[in-house]
């Protein structure tokens, strides 16, 4: 089984919840990552081998979680684009005969790349 299948079937983990048991919002996690990133290079330069290895492991785990979220988000965008196109009709047929949705992109990949 490849890593793609693992990412889809089993995310890297769920972040700790707050006092109500609710998971933190993606916006708050993103803010924390930006804050951490602003001093990461300077902070990592001071780490010994063990702490550096732990830091690298934590970063790798975070990257796997982000990759999983990217798969989930892309699937949600793809599904909702198709639903939207079906709601307003079949879409326009372009010069090369490729159907496009109201957003002007031929497919979800192009749409996400442009964001």
N, C-alpha and C. Protein backbone atom coordinates (compact mmCIF):
# COMPACT_ATOMS: atom_id res chain seq x y z
N UNK A 1 0.85 -1.18 0.00
CA UNK A 1 0.00 0.00 0.00
C UNK A 1 0.89 1.23 0.00
N UNK A 2 0.62 2.15 -0.93
CA UNK A 2 1.42 3.37 -1.04
C UNK A 2 1.05 4.40 0.00
N UNK A 3 1.85 5.46 0.09
CA UNK A 3 1.62 6.51 1.07
C UNK A 3 0.31 7.24 0.82
N UNK A 4 -0.10 7.36 -0.45
CA UNK A 4 -1.36 8.03 -0.76
C UNK A 4 -2.54 7.33 -0.11
N UNK A 5 -2.54 6.01 -0.15
CA UNK A 5 -3.62 5.25 0.47
C UNK A 5 -3.60 5.42 1.98
N UNK A 6 -2.42 5.47 2.55
CA UNK A 6 -2.32 5.66 3.99
C UNK A 6 -2.84 7.03 4.38
N UNK A 7 -2.50 8.05 3.59
CA UNK A 7 -2.96 9.41 3.91
C UNK A 7 -4.47 9.51 3.86
N UNK A 8 -5.09 8.83 2.90
CA UNK A 8 -6.54 8.92 2.77
C UNK A 8 -7.23 8.14 3.87
N UNK A 9 -6.71 6.97 4.22
CA UNK A 9 -7.40 6.13 5.18
C UNK A 9 -7.05 6.43 6.63
N UNK A 10 -5.90 7.07 6.86
CA UNK A 10 -5.48 7.30 8.23
C UNK A 10 -4.67 8.58 8.34
N UNK A 11 -5.30 9.67 8.78
CA UNK A 11 -4.54 10.91 8.93
C UNK A 11 -3.49 10.77 10.02
N UNK A 12 -2.52 11.69 10.01
CA UNK A 12 -1.41 11.64 10.95
C UNK A 12 -1.86 11.75 12.40
N UNK A 13 -2.99 12.32 12.65
CA UNK A 13 -3.49 12.45 14.01
C UNK A 13 -4.39 13.65 14.16
N UNK A 14 -5.13 13.70 15.23
CA UNK A 14 -6.04 14.80 15.50
C UNK A 14 -5.41 15.69 16.55
N UNK A 15 -5.43 17.00 16.30
CA UNK A 15 -4.85 17.90 17.30
C UNK A 15 -5.64 17.85 18.61
N UNK A 16 -4.97 18.18 19.68
CA UNK A 16 -5.64 18.20 20.98
C UNK A 16 -6.77 19.21 20.96
N UNK A 17 -7.84 18.87 21.62
CA UNK A 17 -8.98 19.77 21.70
C UNK A 17 -8.81 20.80 22.81
N UNK A 18 -9.76 21.72 22.85
CA UNK A 18 -9.74 22.71 23.93
C UNK A 18 -10.50 22.16 25.13
N UNK A 19 -10.80 23.01 26.09
CA UNK A 19 -11.46 22.55 27.31
C UNK A 19 -12.85 21.98 27.05
N UNK A 20 -13.48 22.34 25.93
CA UNK A 20 -14.80 21.80 25.57
C UNK A 20 -14.66 20.52 24.75
N UNK A 21 -13.43 20.14 24.42
CA UNK A 21 -13.21 18.96 23.60
C UNK A 21 -13.24 19.25 22.12
N UNK A 22 -13.40 20.53 21.74
CA UNK A 22 -13.45 20.90 20.32
C UNK A 22 -12.04 21.04 19.78
N UNK A 23 -11.85 20.60 18.55
CA UNK A 23 -10.55 20.74 17.90
C UNK A 23 -10.31 22.21 17.57
N UNK A 24 -9.05 22.65 17.60
CA UNK A 24 -8.76 24.04 17.26
C UNK A 24 -9.09 24.30 15.79
N UNK A 25 -9.41 25.53 15.47
CA UNK A 25 -9.71 25.88 14.09
C UNK A 25 -8.43 25.86 13.26
N UNK A 26 -8.59 25.63 11.98
CA UNK A 26 -7.44 25.65 11.09
C UNK A 26 -6.76 27.01 11.11
N UNK A 27 -7.55 28.07 11.21
CA UNK A 27 -6.99 29.41 11.27
C UNK A 27 -6.08 29.61 12.48
N UNK A 28 -6.48 29.08 13.63
CA UNK A 28 -5.63 29.25 14.82
C UNK A 28 -4.36 28.41 14.70
N UNK A 29 -4.46 27.21 14.12
CA UNK A 29 -3.28 26.38 13.92
C UNK A 29 -2.34 27.05 12.92
N UNK A 30 -2.90 27.62 11.86
CA UNK A 30 -2.08 28.32 10.87
C UNK A 30 -1.36 29.50 11.50
N UNK A 31 -2.03 30.23 12.36
CA UNK A 31 -1.39 31.35 13.07
C UNK A 31 -0.24 30.88 13.93
N UNK A 32 -0.42 29.76 14.61
CA UNK A 32 0.65 29.21 15.44
C UNK A 32 1.83 28.76 14.58
N UNK A 33 1.54 28.15 13.44
CA UNK A 33 2.62 27.72 12.54
C UNK A 33 3.39 28.92 12.00
N UNK A 34 2.68 29.98 11.65
CA UNK A 34 3.37 31.18 11.18
C UNK A 34 4.27 31.76 12.25
N UNK A 35 3.78 31.78 13.48
CA UNK A 35 4.58 32.30 14.59
C UNK A 35 5.81 31.44 14.82
N UNK A 36 5.63 30.12 14.80
CA UNK A 36 6.75 29.20 14.97
C UNK A 36 7.75 29.36 13.83
N UNK A 37 7.25 29.51 12.62
CA UNK A 37 8.12 29.63 11.45
C UNK A 37 8.97 30.90 11.48
N UNK A 38 8.45 31.93 12.11
CA UNK A 38 9.18 33.21 12.09
C UNK A 38 10.51 33.14 12.81
N UNK A 39 10.67 32.19 13.73
CA UNK A 39 11.94 32.08 14.46
C UNK A 39 12.54 30.68 14.36
N UNK A 40 11.98 29.82 13.52
CA UNK A 40 12.41 28.41 13.47
C UNK A 40 13.89 28.26 13.12
N UNK A 41 14.37 28.98 12.13
CA UNK A 41 15.77 28.83 11.72
C UNK A 41 16.72 29.21 12.85
N UNK A 42 16.43 30.32 13.50
CA UNK A 42 17.29 30.77 14.61
C UNK A 42 17.20 29.79 15.78
N UNK A 43 15.99 29.34 16.09
CA UNK A 43 15.81 28.42 17.22
C UNK A 43 16.47 27.07 16.93
N UNK A 44 16.32 26.56 15.71
CA UNK A 44 16.88 25.26 15.36
C UNK A 44 18.40 25.27 15.37
N UNK A 45 18.99 26.42 15.11
CA UNK A 45 20.46 26.54 15.12
C UNK A 45 21.03 26.28 16.51
N UNK A 46 20.22 26.42 17.53
CA UNK A 46 20.68 26.24 18.91
C UNK A 46 20.41 24.85 19.46
N UNK A 47 19.76 23.97 18.68
CA UNK A 47 19.38 22.65 19.17
C UNK A 47 20.54 21.67 19.09
N UNK A 48 20.61 20.82 20.11
CA UNK A 48 21.54 19.70 20.07
C UNK A 48 20.96 18.59 19.19
N UNK A 49 21.75 17.52 19.03
CA UNK A 49 21.35 16.45 18.11
C UNK A 49 19.99 15.85 18.47
N UNK A 50 19.79 15.47 19.72
CA UNK A 50 18.54 14.84 20.13
C UNK A 50 17.34 15.75 19.92
N UNK A 51 17.46 16.99 20.34
CA UNK A 51 16.35 17.94 20.17
C UNK A 51 16.12 18.25 18.70
N UNK A 52 17.20 18.33 17.92
CA UNK A 52 17.05 18.58 16.48
C UNK A 52 16.32 17.42 15.81
N UNK A 53 16.66 16.19 16.21
CA UNK A 53 15.99 15.01 15.65
C UNK A 53 14.51 15.01 16.03
N UNK A 54 14.21 15.33 17.28
CA UNK A 54 12.81 15.41 17.71
C UNK A 54 12.06 16.49 16.94
N UNK A 55 12.70 17.64 16.76
CA UNK A 55 12.10 18.74 16.00
C UNK A 55 11.81 18.29 14.57
N UNK A 56 12.78 17.63 13.93
CA UNK A 56 12.59 17.15 12.56
C UNK A 56 11.45 16.14 12.49
N UNK A 57 11.36 15.27 13.47
CA UNK A 57 10.27 14.30 13.52
C UNK A 57 8.92 14.96 13.66
N UNK A 58 8.83 15.97 14.52
CA UNK A 58 7.58 16.70 14.69
C UNK A 58 7.18 17.44 13.41
N UNK A 59 8.18 18.02 12.74
CA UNK A 59 7.90 18.73 11.48
C UNK A 59 7.40 17.74 10.43
N UNK A 60 8.01 16.57 10.37
CA UNK A 60 7.58 15.55 9.41
C UNK A 60 6.14 15.11 9.70
N UNK A 61 5.81 14.93 10.96
CA UNK A 61 4.44 14.55 11.32
C UNK A 61 3.45 15.65 10.95
N UNK A 62 3.84 16.90 11.17
CA UNK A 62 2.99 18.02 10.78
C UNK A 62 2.80 18.04 9.26
N UNK A 63 3.86 17.76 8.52
CA UNK A 63 3.78 17.74 7.06
C UNK A 63 2.81 16.65 6.59
N UNK A 64 2.84 15.48 7.23
CA UNK A 64 1.90 14.41 6.87
C UNK A 64 0.47 14.83 7.14
N UNK A 65 0.25 15.51 8.26
CA UNK A 65 -1.10 15.98 8.58
C UNK A 65 -1.57 17.00 7.55
N UNK A 66 -0.68 17.90 7.14
CA UNK A 66 -1.02 18.90 6.13
C UNK A 66 -1.31 18.23 4.79
N UNK A 67 -0.51 17.23 4.42
CA UNK A 67 -0.76 16.51 3.17
C UNK A 67 -2.14 15.86 3.19
N UNK A 68 -2.51 15.28 4.31
CA UNK A 68 -3.84 14.68 4.46
C UNK A 68 -4.93 15.74 4.29
N UNK A 69 -4.74 16.88 4.94
CA UNK A 69 -5.72 17.97 4.82
C UNK A 69 -5.82 18.47 3.38
N UNK A 70 -4.69 18.49 2.66
CA UNK A 70 -4.72 18.90 1.25
C UNK A 70 -5.57 17.94 0.43
N UNK A 71 -5.45 16.64 0.68
CA UNK A 71 -6.25 15.65 -0.03
C UNK A 71 -7.73 15.85 0.28
N UNK A 72 -8.05 16.04 1.55
CA UNK A 72 -9.44 16.25 1.96
C UNK A 72 -10.00 17.53 1.34
N UNK A 73 -9.22 18.60 1.40
CA UNK A 73 -9.68 19.89 0.86
C UNK A 73 -9.85 19.82 -0.66
N UNK A 74 -8.91 19.20 -1.36
CA UNK A 74 -9.02 19.09 -2.82
C UNK A 74 -10.25 18.27 -3.20
N UNK A 75 -10.52 17.21 -2.46
CA UNK A 75 -11.72 16.41 -2.73
C UNK A 75 -12.99 17.23 -2.49
N UNK A 76 -12.99 18.05 -1.45
CA UNK A 76 -14.15 18.89 -1.17
C UNK A 76 -14.36 19.93 -2.26
N UNK A 77 -13.27 20.53 -2.73
CA UNK A 77 -13.37 21.51 -3.82
C UNK A 77 -13.85 20.83 -5.09
N UNK A 78 -13.30 19.66 -5.40
CA UNK A 78 -13.69 18.94 -6.61
C UNK A 78 -15.18 18.59 -6.56
N UNK A 79 -15.63 18.05 -5.42
CA UNK A 79 -17.04 17.70 -5.27
C UNK A 79 -17.94 18.92 -5.40
N UNK A 80 -17.59 20.00 -4.73
CA UNK A 80 -18.45 21.18 -4.74
C UNK A 80 -18.45 21.88 -6.10
N UNK A 81 -17.31 21.85 -6.81
CA UNK A 81 -17.27 22.42 -8.18
C UNK A 81 -18.21 21.64 -9.09
N UNK A 82 -18.18 20.31 -8.99
CA UNK A 82 -19.05 19.48 -9.82
C UNK A 82 -20.51 19.70 -9.48
N UNK A 83 -20.82 19.79 -8.19
CA UNK A 83 -22.19 20.06 -7.78
C UNK A 83 -22.65 21.42 -8.29
N UNK A 84 -21.78 22.42 -8.18
CA UNK A 84 -22.12 23.76 -8.64
C UNK A 84 -22.36 23.77 -10.14
N UNK A 85 -21.49 23.10 -10.89
CA UNK A 85 -21.65 23.05 -12.35
C UNK A 85 -22.94 22.34 -12.72
N UNK A 86 -23.31 21.29 -11.98
CA UNK A 86 -24.55 20.58 -12.25
C UNK A 86 -25.77 21.43 -11.91
N UNK A 87 -25.65 22.28 -10.89
CA UNK A 87 -26.75 23.14 -10.48
C UNK A 87 -27.07 24.20 -11.53
N UNK A 88 -26.05 24.71 -12.20
CA UNK A 88 -26.26 25.79 -13.18
C UNK A 88 -26.29 25.28 -14.61
N UNK A 89 -26.14 24.00 -14.81
CA UNK A 89 -26.14 23.44 -16.15
C UNK A 89 -24.84 22.73 -16.42
N UNK A 90 -24.67 22.30 -17.62
CA UNK A 90 -23.51 21.49 -17.98
C UNK A 90 -22.25 22.31 -18.12
N UNK A 91 -22.32 23.60 -18.09
CA UNK A 91 -21.14 24.45 -18.26
C UNK A 91 -20.94 24.78 -19.71
N UNK A 92 -19.97 25.62 -19.97
CA UNK A 92 -19.67 26.03 -21.34
C UNK A 92 -18.69 25.05 -21.96
N UNK A 93 -18.80 24.87 -23.24
CA UNK A 93 -17.83 24.05 -23.95
C UNK A 93 -16.81 25.00 -24.55
N UNK A 94 -15.54 24.79 -24.19
CA UNK A 94 -14.48 25.66 -24.68
C UNK A 94 -14.11 25.35 -26.11
N UNK A 95 -13.15 26.09 -26.63
CA UNK A 95 -12.73 25.96 -28.02
C UNK A 95 -12.20 24.58 -28.34
N UNK A 96 -11.62 23.91 -27.34
CA UNK A 96 -11.10 22.58 -27.59
C UNK A 96 -12.07 21.49 -27.14
N UNK A 97 -13.30 21.87 -26.83
CA UNK A 97 -14.31 20.90 -26.45
C UNK A 97 -14.23 20.42 -25.02
N UNK A 98 -13.53 21.15 -24.16
CA UNK A 98 -13.42 20.77 -22.76
C UNK A 98 -14.44 21.54 -21.96
N UNK A 99 -15.22 20.83 -21.18
CA UNK A 99 -16.23 21.51 -20.36
C UNK A 99 -15.55 22.25 -19.21
N UNK A 100 -16.06 23.41 -18.89
CA UNK A 100 -15.54 24.16 -17.75
C UNK A 100 -16.70 24.62 -16.90
N UNK A 101 -16.47 24.80 -15.62
CA UNK A 101 -17.49 25.31 -14.73
C UNK A 101 -17.57 26.82 -14.82
N UNK A 102 -18.43 27.38 -13.99
CA UNK A 102 -18.59 28.84 -13.98
C UNK A 102 -17.34 29.56 -13.52
N UNK A 103 -16.42 28.86 -12.89
CA UNK A 103 -15.23 29.53 -12.38
C UNK A 103 -14.18 29.76 -13.47
N UNK A 104 -14.39 29.23 -14.67
CA UNK A 104 -13.49 29.47 -15.78
C UNK A 104 -12.31 28.52 -15.88
N UNK A 105 -12.22 27.55 -15.02
CA UNK A 105 -11.11 26.59 -15.06
C UNK A 105 -11.58 25.26 -15.64
N UNK A 106 -10.69 24.57 -16.35
CA UNK A 106 -11.06 23.31 -16.98
C UNK A 106 -11.21 22.19 -15.97
N UNK A 107 -10.44 22.26 -14.88
CA UNK A 107 -10.51 21.18 -13.89
C UNK A 107 -10.12 21.72 -12.52
N UNK A 108 -10.30 20.89 -11.51
CA UNK A 108 -10.03 21.30 -10.14
C UNK A 108 -8.55 21.59 -9.92
N UNK A 109 -7.67 20.83 -10.56
CA UNK A 109 -6.23 21.08 -10.43
C UNK A 109 -5.85 22.48 -10.86
N UNK A 110 -6.37 22.91 -12.01
CA UNK A 110 -6.08 24.26 -12.48
C UNK A 110 -6.66 25.30 -11.52
N UNK A 111 -7.85 25.05 -11.02
CA UNK A 111 -8.48 25.96 -10.08
C UNK A 111 -7.62 26.12 -8.83
N UNK A 112 -7.16 25.00 -8.27
CA UNK A 112 -6.36 25.05 -7.03
C UNK A 112 -5.00 25.67 -7.27
N UNK A 113 -4.39 25.42 -8.42
CA UNK A 113 -3.10 26.03 -8.73
C UNK A 113 -3.20 27.55 -8.80
N UNK A 114 -4.32 28.04 -9.27
CA UNK A 114 -4.50 29.48 -9.43
C UNK A 114 -4.77 30.18 -8.11
N UNK A 115 -5.11 29.45 -7.07
CA UNK A 115 -5.44 30.07 -5.78
C UNK A 115 -4.22 30.47 -5.09
